[in-house]
Amino acid sequence: MIAFSLAPTASWYLVLSAVLFGIGTFGVLVRRNPLVMFMCIELMLNAVNLSFVTLARQLNDINGQTIVFFVMVVAAAEVVVGLGIIVAIMRNRSSMTADDLTELKG
């Protein structure tokens, strides 16, 4: 009888990371709403973080987890600034697409 182990391995997490990154890329390319595009970019960023943590765990190296910590700190600041700008612009308009952001040029 063949024994199957369903314990997640590093390859499972790397495949999950690739799938999440693909979903995020598809969302950025297909959607025109800046808020949805912003969320898809954050999904892509978290997919990369997952792969960093997976590889750091696989190689028994703390550097990958340290990089993820700093990326998450920068991403938190990015979310605050990015969402603030997007929400401020969307308040003035009933609907907005990414093409409307070209009007922000000074």
PDB file of N, CA and C in Angstrom:
ATOM      1  N   MET A   1       0.841  -1.172   0.000  1.00  0.00           N
ATOM      2  CA  MET A   1       0.000   0.000   0.000  1.00  0.00           C
ATOM      3  C   MET A   1       0.893   1.246   0.000  1.00  0.00           C
ATOM      4  N   ILE A   2       0.515   2.231  -0.758  1.00  0.00           N
ATOM      5  CA  ILE A   2       1.287   3.469  -0.863  1.00  0.00           C
ATOM      6  C   ILE A   2       0.766   4.459   0.175  1.00  0.00           C
ATOM      7  N   ALA A   3       1.672   5.019   0.933  1.00  0.00           N
ATOM      8  CA  ALA A   3       1.286   5.999   1.953  1.00  0.00           C
ATOM      9  C   ALA A   3       1.431   7.402   1.374  1.00  0.00           C
ATOM     10  N   PHE A   4       0.388   8.193   1.529  1.00  0.00           N
ATOM     11  CA  PHE A   4       0.405   9.570   1.053  1.00  0.00           C
ATOM     12  C   PHE A   4       0.504  10.514   2.234  1.00  0.00           C
ATOM     13  N   SER A   5       1.341  11.479   2.100  1.00  0.00           N
ATOM     14  CA  SER A   5       1.456  12.502   3.129  1.00  0.00           C
ATOM     15  C   SER A   5       0.904  13.808   2.571  1.00  0.00           C
ATOM     16  N   LEU A   6      -0.101  14.334   3.209  1.00  0.00           N
ATOM     17  CA  LEU A   6      -0.703  15.578   2.751  1.00  0.00           C
ATOM     18  C   LEU A   6      -0.165  16.788   3.499  1.00  0.00           C
ATOM     19  N   ALA A   7       0.939  16.607   4.182  1.00  0.00           N
ATOM     20  CA  ALA A   7       1.562  17.742   4.867  1.00  0.00           C
ATOM     21  C   ALA A   7       2.125  18.697   3.818  1.00  0.00           C
ATOM     22  N   PRO A   8       1.828  19.982   3.957  1.00  0.00           N
ATOM     23  CA  PRO A   8       2.312  20.935   2.947  1.00  0.00           C
ATOM     24  C   PRO A   8       3.835  21.034   2.944  1.00  0.00           C
ATOM     25  N   THR A   9       4.388  20.986   1.765  1.00  0.00           N
ATOM     26  CA  THR A   9       5.831  21.125   1.601  1.00  0.00           C
ATOM     27  C   THR A   9       6.136  22.500   1.025  1.00  0.00           C
ATOM     28  N   ALA A  10       7.408  22.783   0.854  1.00  0.00           N
ATOM     29  CA  ALA A  10       7.809  24.083   0.316  1.00  0.00           C
ATOM     30  C   ALA A  10       7.273  24.283  -1.094  1.00  0.00           C
ATOM     31  N   SER A  11       7.207  23.224  -1.862  1.00  0.00           N
ATOM     32  CA  SER A  11       6.716  23.369  -3.237  1.00  0.00           C
ATOM     33  C   SER A  11       5.240  23.759  -3.262  1.00  0.00           C
ATOM     34  N   TRP A  12       4.459  23.295  -2.300  1.00  0.00           N
ATOM     35  CA  TRP A  12       3.055  23.697  -2.227  1.00  0.00           C
ATOM     36  C   TRP A  12       2.944  25.203  -2.010  1.00  0.00           C
ATOM     37  N   TYR A  13       3.753  25.716  -1.092  1.00  0.00           N
ATOM     38  CA  TYR A  13       3.704  27.141  -0.808  1.00  0.00           C
ATOM     39  C   TYR A  13       4.206  27.967  -1.986  1.00  0.00           C
ATOM     40  N   LEU A  14       5.201  27.454  -2.703  1.00  0.00           N
ATOM     41  CA  LEU A  14       5.693  28.176  -3.873  1.00  0.00           C
ATOM     42  C   LEU A  14       4.663  28.174  -4.998  1.00  0.00           C
ATOM     43  N   VAL A  15       3.947  27.078  -5.160  1.00  0.00           N
ATOM     44  CA  VAL A  15       2.871  27.034  -6.157  1.00  0.00           C
ATOM     45  C   VAL A  15       1.752  27.987  -5.756  1.00  0.00           C
ATOM     46  N   LEU A  16       1.392  27.995  -4.479  1.00  0.00           N
ATOM     47  CA  LEU A  16       0.378  28.933  -3.997  1.00  0.00           C
ATOM     48  C   LEU A  16       0.817  30.369  -4.235  1.00  0.00           C
ATOM     49  N   SER A  17       2.075  30.650  -3.993  1.00  0.00           N
ATOM     50  CA  SER A  17       2.611  31.985  -4.227  1.00  0.00           C
ATOM     51  C   SER A  17       2.515  32.357  -5.701  1.00  0.00           C
ATOM     52  N   ALA A  18       2.844  31.426  -6.582  1.00  0.00           N
ATOM     53  CA  ALA A  18       2.759  31.693  -8.021  1.00  0.00           C
ATOM     54  C   ALA A  18       1.318  31.922  -8.464  1.00  0.00           C
ATOM     55  N   VAL A  19       0.388  31.149  -7.903  1.00  0.00           N
ATOM     56  CA  VAL A  19      -1.026  31.325  -8.245  1.00  0.00           C
ATOM     57  C   VAL A  19      -1.521  32.689  -7.767  1.00  0.00           C
ATOM     58  N   LEU A  20      -1.186  33.068  -6.546  1.00  0.00           N
ATOM     59  CA  LEU A  20      -1.594  34.378  -6.032  1.00  0.00           C
ATOM     60  C   LEU A  20      -0.993  35.509  -6.860  1.00  0.00           C
ATOM     61  N   PHE A  21       0.265  35.362  -7.246  1.00  0.00           N
ATOM     62  CA  PHE A  21       0.902  36.382  -8.073  1.00  0.00           C
ATOM     63  C   PHE A  21       0.217  36.463  -9.439  1.00  0.00           C
ATOM     64  N   GLY A  22      -0.153  35.326 -10.000  1.00  0.00           N
ATOM     65  CA  GLY A  22      -0.858  35.315 -11.282  1.00  0.00           C
ATOM     66  C   GLY A  22      -2.226  35.966 -11.190  1.00  0.00           C
ATOM     67  N   ILE A  23      -2.951  35.705 -10.112  1.00  0.00           N
ATOM     68  CA  ILE A  23      -4.261  36.335  -9.916  1.00  0.00           C
ATOM     69  C   ILE A  23      -4.101  37.845  -9.794  1.00  0.00           C
ATOM     70  N   GLY A  24      -3.088  38.275  -9.048  1.00  0.00           N
ATOM     71  CA  GLY A  24      -2.840  39.705  -8.910  1.00  0.00           C
ATOM     72  C   GLY A  24      -2.471  40.354 -10.226  1.00  0.00           C
ATOM     73  N   THR A  25      -1.626  39.698 -11.006  1.00  0.00           N
ATOM     74  CA  THR A  25      -1.241  40.229 -12.314  1.00  0.00           C
ATOM     75  C   THR A  25      -2.443  40.320 -13.237  1.00  0.00           C
ATOM     76  N   PHE A  26      -3.265  39.281 -13.244  1.00  0.00           N
ATOM     77  CA  PHE A  26      -4.473  39.292 -14.062  1.00  0.00           C
ATOM     78  C   PHE A  26      -5.398  40.436 -13.650  1.00  0.00           C
ATOM     79  N   GLY A  27      -5.545  40.646 -12.351  1.00  0.00           N
ATOM     80  CA  GLY A  27      -6.402  41.723 -11.866  1.00  0.00           C
ATOM     81  C   GLY A  27      -5.897  43.095 -12.260  1.00  0.00           C
ATOM     82  N   VAL A  28      -4.581  43.295 -12.213  1.00  0.00           N
ATOM     83  CA  VAL A  28      -4.019  44.594 -12.603  1.00  0.00           C
ATOM     84  C   VAL A  28      -4.220  44.832 -14.092  1.00  0.00           C
ATOM     85  N   LEU A  29      -4.063  43.786 -14.896  1.00  0.00           N
ATOM     86  CA  LEU A  29      -4.171  43.952 -16.343  1.00  0.00           C
ATOM     87  C   LEU A  29      -5.608  44.096 -16.824  1.00  0.00           C
ATOM     88  N   VAL A  30      -6.560  43.485 -16.125  1.00  0.00           N
ATOM     89  CA  VAL A  30      -7.939  43.462 -16.600  1.00  0.00           C
ATOM     90  C   VAL A  30      -8.778  44.587 -15.998  1.00  0.00           C
ATOM     91  N   ARG A  31      -8.632  44.848 -14.731  1.00  0.00           N
ATOM     92  CA  ARG A  31      -9.477  45.834 -14.051  1.00  0.00           C
ATOM     93  C   ARG A  31      -9.006  47.252 -14.323  1.00  0.00           C
ATOM     94  N   ARG A  32      -9.944  48.188 -14.361  1.00  0.00           N
ATOM     95  CA  ARG A  32      -9.613  49.590 -14.589  1.00  0.00           C
ATOM     96  C   ARG A  32      -9.879  50.452 -13.355  1.00  0.00           C
ATOM     97  N   ASN A  33     -10.505  49.900 -12.346  1.00  0.00           N
ATOM     98  CA  ASN A  33     -10.769  50.644 -11.119  1.00  0.00           C
ATOM     99  C   ASN A  33      -9.471  50.734 -10.312  1.00  0.00           C
ATOM    100  N   PRO A  34      -9.021  51.947  -9.974  1.00  0.00           N
ATOM    101  CA  PRO A  34      -7.747  52.081  -9.253  1.00  0.00           C
ATOM    102  C   PRO A  34      -7.733  51.380  -7.895  1.00  0.00           C
ATOM    103  N   LEU A  35      -8.855  51.337  -7.213  1.00  0.00           N
ATOM    104  CA  LEU A  35      -8.904  50.672  -5.913  1.00  0.00           C
ATOM    105  C   LEU A  35      -8.690  49.162  -6.063  1.00  0.00           C
ATOM    106  N   VAL A  36      -9.321  48.569  -7.056  1.00  0.00           N
ATOM    107  CA  VAL A  36      -9.149  47.133  -7.305  1.00  0.00           C
ATOM    108  C   VAL A  36      -7.728  46.851  -7.784  1.00  0.00           C
ATOM    109  N   MET A  37      -7.195  47.722  -8.622  1.00  0.00           N
ATOM    110  CA  MET A  37      -5.812  47.554  -9.088  1.00  0.00           C
ATOM    111  C   MET A  37      -4.845  47.624  -7.906  1.00  0.00           C
ATOM    112  N   PHE A  38      -5.104  48.526  -6.985  1.00  0.00           N
ATOM    113  CA  PHE A  38      -4.259  48.670  -5.800  1.00  0.00           C
ATOM    114  C   PHE A  38      -4.302  47.398  -4.953  1.00  0.00           C
ATOM    115  N   MET A  39      -5.499  46.827  -4.791  1.00  0.00           N
ATOM    116  CA  MET A  39      -5.619  45.585  -4.026  1.00  0.00           C
ATOM    117  C   MET A  39      -4.903  44.435  -4.727  1.00  0.00           C
ATOM    118  N   CYS A  40      -4.943  44.405  -6.046  1.00  0.00           N
ATOM    119  CA  CYS A  40      -4.245  43.347  -6.788  1.00  0.00           C
ATOM    120  C   CYS A  40      -2.733  43.490  -6.662  1.00  0.00           C
ATOM    121  N   ILE A  41      -2.245  44.721  -6.638  1.00  0.00           N
ATOM    122  CA  ILE A  41      -0.809  44.938  -6.437  1.00  0.00           C
ATOM    123  C   ILE A  41      -0.401  44.463  -5.044  1.00  0.00           C
ATOM    124  N   GLU A  42      -1.231  44.715  -4.053  1.00  0.00           N
ATOM    125  CA  GLU A  42      -0.941  44.231  -2.700  1.00  0.00           C
ATOM    126  C   GLU A  42      -0.969  42.703  -2.645  1.00  0.00           C
ATOM    127  N   LEU A  43      -1.860  42.088  -3.407  1.00  0.00           N
ATOM    128  CA  LEU A  43      -1.895  40.627  -3.474  1.00  0.00           C
ATOM    129  C   LEU A  43      -0.601  40.089  -4.074  1.00  0.00           C
ATOM    130  N   MET A  44      -0.104  40.751  -5.104  1.00  0.00           N
ATOM    131  CA  MET A  44       1.168  40.346  -5.710  1.00  0.00           C
ATOM    132  C   MET A  44       2.312  40.500  -4.712  1.00  0.00           C
ATOM    133  N   LEU A  45       2.293  41.581  -3.958  1.00  0.00           N
ATOM    134  CA  LEU A  45       3.340  41.808  -2.960  1.00  0.00           C
ATOM    135  C   LEU A  45       3.317  40.724  -1.885  1.00  0.00           C
ATOM    136  N   ASN A  46       2.125  40.336  -1.450  1.00  0.00           N
ATOM    137  CA  ASN A  46       2.022  39.277  -0.444  1.00  0.00           C
ATOM    138  C   ASN A  46       2.426  37.916  -1.008  1.00  0.00           C
ATOM    139  N   ALA A  47       2.203  37.694  -2.294  1.00  0.00           N
ATOM    140  CA  ALA A  47       2.657  36.449  -2.913  1.00  0.00           C
ATOM    141  C   ALA A  47       4.177  36.361  -2.897  1.00  0.00           C
ATOM    142  N   VAL A  48       4.837  37.466  -3.176  1.00  0.00           N
ATOM    143  CA  VAL A  48       6.299  37.487  -3.124  1.00  0.00           C
ATOM    144  C   VAL A  48       6.776  37.274  -1.690  1.00  0.00           C
ATOM    145  N   ASN A  49       6.088  37.878  -0.734  1.00  0.00           N
ATOM    146  CA  ASN A  49       6.444  37.673   0.675  1.00  0.00           C
ATOM    147  C   ASN A  49       6.316  36.201   1.066  1.00  0.00           C
ATOM    148  N   LEU A  50       5.268  35.547   0.591  1.00  0.00           N
ATOM    149  CA  LEU A  50       5.086  34.127   0.889  1.00  0.00           C
ATOM    150  C   LEU A  50       6.234  33.298   0.323  1.00  0.00           C
ATOM    151  N   SER A  51       6.668  33.626  -0.873  1.00  0.00           N
ATOM    152  CA  SER A  51       7.787  32.867  -1.445  1.00  0.00           C
ATOM    153  C   SER A  51       9.085  33.143  -0.691  1.00  0.00           C
ATOM    154  N   PHE A  52       9.294  34.390  -0.243  1.00  0.00           N
ATOM    155  CA  PHE A  52      10.481  34.698   0.561  1.00  0.00           C
ATOM    156  C   PHE A  52      10.497  33.885   1.853  1.00  0.00           C
ATOM    157  N   VAL A  53       9.367  33.848   2.540  1.00  0.00           N
ATOM    158  CA  VAL A  53       9.296  33.114   3.807  1.00  0.00           C
ATOM    159  C   VAL A  53       9.470  31.615   3.566  1.00  0.00           C
ATOM    160  N   THR A  54       8.883  31.110   2.500  1.00  0.00           N
ATOM    161  CA  THR A  54       9.015  29.685   2.186  1.00  0.00           C
ATOM    162  C   THR A  54      10.467  29.307   1.919  1.00  0.00           C
ATOM    163  N   LEU A  55      11.133  30.105   1.102  1.00  0.00           N
ATOM    164  CA  LEU A  55      12.527  29.794   0.789  1.00  0.00           C
ATOM    165  C   LEU A  55      13.431  29.989   2.003  1.00  0.00           C
ATOM    166  N   ALA A  56      13.129  30.980   2.825  1.00  0.00           N
ATOM    167  CA  ALA A  56      13.923  31.181   4.038  1.00  0.00           C
ATOM    168  C   ALA A  56      13.758  30.000   4.988  1.00  0.00           C
ATOM    169  N   ARG A  57      12.556  29.493   5.080  1.00  0.00           N
ATOM    170  CA  ARG A  57      12.307  28.330   5.947  1.00  0.00           C
ATOM    171  C   ARG A  57      12.985  27.086   5.386  1.00  0.00           C
ATOM    172  N   GLN A  58      12.933  26.940   4.079  1.00  0.00           N
ATOM    173  CA  GLN A  58      13.533  25.766   3.445  1.00  0.00           C
ATOM    174  C   GLN A  58      15.053  25.767   3.595  1.00  0.00           C
ATOM    175  N   LEU A  59      15.658  26.945   3.504  1.00  0.00           N
ATOM    176  CA  LEU A  59      17.113  27.054   3.581  1.00  0.00           C
ATOM    177  C   LEU A  59      17.617  27.296   5.002  1.00  0.00           C
ATOM    178  N   ASN A  60      16.703  27.347   5.970  1.00  0.00           N
ATOM    179  CA  ASN A  60      17.049  27.631   7.367  1.00  0.00           C
ATOM    180  C   ASN A  60      17.861  28.916   7.494  1.00  0.00           C
ATOM    181  N   ASP A  61      17.375  29.950   6.827  1.00  0.00           N
ATOM    182  CA  ASP A  61      18.052  31.242   6.824  1.00  0.00           C
ATOM    183  C   ASP A  61      17.055  32.299   7.280  1.00  0.00           C
ATOM    184  N   ILE A  62      17.462  33.150   8.185  1.00  0.00           N
ATOM    185  CA  ILE A  62      16.574  34.165   8.741  1.00  0.00           C
ATOM    186  C   ILE A  62      16.477  35.400   7.848  1.00  0.00           C
ATOM    187  N   ASN A  63      17.371  35.540   6.870  1.00  0.00           N
ATOM    188  CA  ASN A  63      17.391  36.743   6.038  1.00  0.00           C
ATOM    189  C   ASN A  63      16.104  36.936   5.242  1.00  0.00           C
ATOM    190  N   GLY A  64      15.508  35.862   4.758  1.00  0.00           N
ATOM    191  CA  GLY A  64      14.256  35.977   4.012  1.00  0.00           C
ATOM    192  C   GLY A  64      13.127  36.515   4.872  1.00  0.00           C
ATOM    193  N   GLN A  65      13.061  36.058   6.106  1.00  0.00           N
ATOM    194  CA  GLN A  65      12.022  36.542   7.009  1.00  0.00           C
ATOM    195  C   GLN A  65      12.271  37.989   7.408  1.00  0.00           C
ATOM    196  N   THR A  66      13.526  38.368   7.520  1.00  0.00           N
ATOM    197  CA  THR A  66      13.857  39.756   7.833  1.00  0.00           C
ATOM    198  C   THR A  66      13.448  40.674   6.691  1.00  0.00           C
ATOM    199  N   ILE A  67      13.700  40.239   5.470  1.00  0.00           N
ATOM    200  CA  ILE A  67      13.302  41.028   4.307  1.00  0.00           C
ATOM    201  C   ILE A  67      11.789  41.186   4.280  1.00  0.00           C
ATOM    202  N   VAL A  68      11.061  40.110   4.564  1.00  0.00           N
ATOM    203  CA  VAL A  68       9.598  40.170   4.570  1.00  0.00           C
ATOM    204  C   VAL A  68       9.108  41.152   5.619  1.00  0.00           C
ATOM    205  N   PHE A  69       9.743  41.179   6.782  1.00  0.00           N
ATOM    206  CA  PHE A  69       9.344  42.125   7.824  1.00  0.00           C
ATOM    207  C   PHE A  69       9.460  43.561   7.318  1.00  0.00           C
ATOM    208  N   PHE A  70      10.577  43.894   6.708  1.00  0.00           N
ATOM    209  CA  PHE A  70      10.760  45.256   6.218  1.00  0.00           C
ATOM    210  C   PHE A  70       9.848  45.565   5.029  1.00  0.00           C
ATOM    211  N   VAL A  71       9.586  44.587   4.188  1.00  0.00           N
ATOM    212  CA  VAL A  71       8.655  44.793   3.074  1.00  0.00           C
ATOM    213  C   VAL A  71       7.254  45.056   3.605  1.00  0.00           C
ATOM    214  N   MET A  72       6.861  44.359   4.668  1.00  0.00           N
ATOM    215  CA  MET A  72       5.534  44.587   5.243  1.00  0.00           C
ATOM    216  C   MET A  72       5.424  45.966   5.879  1.00  0.00           C
ATOM    217  N   VAL A  73       6.509  46.452   6.476  1.00  0.00           N
ATOM    218  CA  VAL A  73       6.502  47.805   7.047  1.00  0.00           C
ATOM    219  C   VAL A  73       6.331  48.838   5.942  1.00  0.00           C
ATOM    220  N   VAL A  74       7.071  48.674   4.860  1.00  0.00           N
ATOM    221  CA  VAL A  74       6.959  49.607   3.736  1.00  0.00           C
ATOM    222  C   VAL A  74       5.583  49.492   3.084  1.00  0.00           C
ATOM    223  N   ALA A  75       5.047  48.275   2.983  1.00  0.00           N
ATOM    224  CA  ALA A  75       3.729  48.076   2.391  1.00  0.00           C
ATOM    225  C   ALA A  75       2.639  48.734   3.228  1.00  0.00           C
ATOM    226  N   ALA A  76       2.787  48.728   4.543  1.00  0.00           N
ATOM    227  CA  ALA A  76       1.799  49.389   5.398  1.00  0.00           C
ATOM    228  C   ALA A  76       1.789  50.892   5.136  1.00  0.00           C
ATOM    229  N   ALA A  77       2.965  51.481   4.993  1.00  0.00           N
ATOM    230  CA  ALA A  77       3.032  52.909   4.673  1.00  0.00           C
ATOM    231  C   ALA A  77       2.471  53.173   3.281  1.00  0.00           C
ATOM    232  N   GLU A  78       2.736  52.275   2.353  1.00  0.00           N
ATOM    233  CA  GLU A  78       2.218  52.413   0.991  1.00  0.00           C
ATOM    234  C   GLU A  78       0.694  52.364   0.988  1.00  0.00           C
ATOM    235  N   VAL A  79       0.129  51.478   1.776  1.00  0.00           N
ATOM    236  CA  VAL A  79      -1.327  51.358   1.844  1.00  0.00           C
ATOM    237  C   VAL A  79      -1.942  52.641   2.384  1.00  0.00           C
ATOM    238  N   VAL A  80      -1.348  53.199   3.415  1.00  0.00           N
ATOM    239  CA  VAL A  80      -1.892  54.431   4.003  1.00  0.00           C
ATOM    240  C   VAL A  80      -1.881  55.564   2.983  1.00  0.00           C
ATOM    241  N   VAL A  81      -0.755  55.764   2.337  1.00  0.00           N
ATOM    242  CA  VAL A  81      -0.643  56.865   1.375  1.00  0.00           C
ATOM    243  C   VAL A  81      -1.473  56.583   0.127  1.00  0.00           C
ATOM    244  N   GLY A  82      -1.351  55.373  -0.418  1.00  0.00           N
ATOM    245  CA  GLY A  82      -2.064  55.037  -1.649  1.00  0.00           C
ATOM    246  C   GLY A  82      -3.570  55.075  -1.490  1.00  0.00           C
ATOM    247  N   LEU A  83      -4.082  54.461  -0.437  1.00  0.00           N
ATOM    248  CA  LEU A  83      -5.531  54.490  -0.221  1.00  0.00           C
ATOM    249  C   LEU A  83      -6.029  55.895   0.064  1.00  0.00           C
ATOM    250  N   GLY A  84      -5.231  56.684   0.768  1.00  0.00           N
ATOM    251  CA  GLY A  84      -5.623  58.075   1.013  1.00  0.00           C
ATOM    252  C   GLY A  84      -5.784  58.849  -0.278  1.00  0.00           C
ATOM    253  N   ILE A  85      -4.848  58.684  -1.186  1.00  0.00           N
ATOM    254  CA  ILE A  85      -4.925  59.383  -2.470  1.00  0.00           C
ATOM    255  C   ILE A  85      -6.103  58.875  -3.293  1.00  0.00           C
ATOM    256  N   ILE A  86      -6.266  57.566  -3.364  1.00  0.00           N
ATOM    257  CA  ILE A  86      -7.347  56.998  -4.177  1.00  0.00           C
ATOM    258  C   ILE A  86      -8.712  57.387  -3.630  1.00  0.00           C
ATOM    259  N   VAL A  87      -8.888  57.318  -2.319  1.00  0.00           N
ATOM    260  CA  VAL A  87     -10.182  57.678  -1.727  1.00  0.00           C
ATOM    261  C   VAL A  87     -10.461  59.165  -1.906  1.00  0.00           C
ATOM    262  N   ALA A  88      -9.444  60.014  -1.771  1.00  0.00           N
ATOM    263  CA  ALA A  88      -9.640  61.454  -1.968  1.00  0.00           C
ATOM    264  C   ALA A  88     -10.057  61.762  -3.398  1.00  0.00           C
ATOM    265  N   ILE A  89      -9.484  61.079  -4.351  1.00  0.00           N
ATOM    266  CA  ILE A  89      -9.864  61.309  -5.750  1.00  0.00           C
ATOM    267  C   ILE A  89     -11.253  60.760  -6.028  1.00  0.00           C
ATOM    268  N   MET A  90     -11.575  59.598  -5.461  1.00  0.00           N
ATOM    269  CA  MET A  90     -12.877  58.988  -5.730  1.00  0.00           C
ATOM    270  C   MET A  90     -14.024  59.749  -5.072  1.00  0.00           C
ATOM    271  N   ARG A  91     -13.739  60.539  -4.046  1.00  0.00           N
ATOM    272  CA  ARG A  91     -14.797  61.353  -3.431  1.00  0.00           C
ATOM    273  C   ARG A  91     -15.297  62.426  -4.387  1.00  0.00           C
ATOM    274  N   ASN A  92     -14.407  62.946  -5.207  1.00  0.00           N
ATOM    275  CA  ASN A  92     -14.773  64.024  -6.121  1.00  0.00           C
ATOM    276  C   ASN A  92     -15.441  63.519  -7.391  1.00  0.00           C
ATOM    277  N   ARG A  93     -15.374  62.245  -7.649  1.00  0.00           N
ATOM    278  CA  ARG A  93     -15.946  61.678  -8.867  1.00  0.00           C
ATOM    279  C   ARG A  93     -16.901  60.545  -8.498  1.00  0.00           C
ATOM    280  N   SER A  94     -17.939  60.391  -9.295  1.00  0.00           N
ATOM    281  CA  SER A  94     -18.866  59.294  -9.027  1.00  0.00           C
ATOM    282  C   SER A  94     -18.275  57.957  -9.470  1.00  0.00           C
ATOM    283  N   SER A  95     -17.571  57.964 -10.584  1.00  0.00           N
ATOM    284  CA  SER A  95     -16.884  56.753 -11.035  1.00  0.00           C
ATOM    285  C   SER A  95     -15.535  57.156 -11.602  1.00  0.00           C
ATOM    286  N   MET A  96     -14.581  56.253 -11.484  1.00  0.00           N
ATOM    287  CA  MET A  96     -13.240  56.594 -11.924  1.00  0.00           C
ATOM    288  C   MET A  96     -12.561  55.356 -12.480  1.00  0.00           C
ATOM    289  N   THR A  97     -11.757  55.569 -13.520  1.00  0.00           N
ATOM    290  CA  THR A  97     -10.932  54.501 -14.068  1.00  0.00           C
ATOM    291  C   THR A  97      -9.473  54.919 -13.957  1.00  0.00           C
ATOM    292  N   ALA A  98      -8.604  53.994 -14.250  1.00  0.00           N
ATOM    293  CA  ALA A  98      -7.174  54.290 -14.182  1.00  0.00           C
ATOM    294  C   ALA A  98      -6.780  55.328 -15.226  1.00  0.00           C
ATOM    295  N   ASP A  99      -7.530  55.408 -16.315  1.00  0.00           N
ATOM    296  CA  ASP A  99      -7.231  56.398 -17.350  1.00  0.00           C
ATOM    297  C   ASP A  99      -7.495  57.822 -16.862  1.00  0.00           C
ATOM    298  N   ASP A 100      -8.390  57.979 -15.880  1.00  0.00           N
ATOM    299  CA  ASP A 100      -8.682  59.309 -15.335  1.00  0.00           C
ATOM    300  C   ASP A 100      -7.539  59.848 -14.488  1.00  0.00           C
ATOM    301  N   LEU A 101      -6.628  58.999 -14.077  1.00  0.00           N
ATOM    302  CA  LEU A 101      -5.522  59.445 -13.234  1.00  0.00           C
ATOM    303  C   LEU A 101      -4.504  60.275 -14.004  1.00  0.00           C
ATOM    304  N   THR A 102      -4.602  60.297 -15.333  1.00  0.00           N
ATOM    305  CA  THR A 102      -3.677  61.122 -16.114  1.00  0.00           C
ATOM    306  C   THR A 102      -3.946  62.602 -15.901  1.00  0.00           C
ATOM    307  N   GLU A 103      -5.130  62.936 -15.394  1.00  0.00           N
ATOM    308  CA  GLU A 103      -5.458  64.337 -15.118  1.00  0.00           C
ATOM    309  C   GLU A 103      -4.701  64.872 -13.914  1.00  0.00           C
ATOM    310  N   LEU A 104      -4.043  64.014 -13.150  1.00  0.00           N
ATOM    311  CA  LEU A 104      -3.315  64.447 -11.965  1.00  0.00           C
ATOM    312  C   LEU A 104      -1.962  65.048 -12.298  1.00  0.00           C
ATOM    313  N   LYS A 105      -1.554  64.956 -13.554  1.00  0.00           N
ATOM    314  CA  LYS A 105      -0.251  65.507 -13.926  1.00  0.00           C
ATOM    315  C   LYS A 105      -0.259  67.009 -13.711  1.00  0.00           C
ATOM    316  N   GLY A 106       0.843  67.532 -13.141  1.00  0.00           N
ATOM    317  CA  GLY A 106       0.896  68.946 -12.794  1.00  0.00           C
ATOM    318  C   GLY A 106       1.565  69.810 -13.785  1.00  0.00           C
TER     319      GLY A 106
END
